[in-house]
Amino acid sequence: MLIQLLGFLETFLLVSGLALVIVALVRYTSRTKDYGSIIRVMVNQLKEGFSIAEFKLYRLGVMLLIATLVIRFVNQLLFPS
């Protein structure tokens, strides 16, 4: 039961985190028309910074992705295959 719950939670957090990061990047790209920003956001060299709403979406998405990694680690540690 716990294995299934952790598996579902892991998938949900991964998809949600990726969706939030993509939404933040799409909003930034549509606002600035800077189509190379998708690469530059990884090295923190954006021409214009994120707006507050874009920054919050991006950080929330990154936090969900980190939570996914933690849950994956716990899942593998407690229930090795």
Foldseek 3Di string as FASTA:
>chain_A
DVLVVLVVLLVVLLVQLVVLLVVLVVVVCVVPVPVVVVVVVVVPDDPDDRDPVSVVSNVSSVVSNVVSVVSVVVSCVVPPD
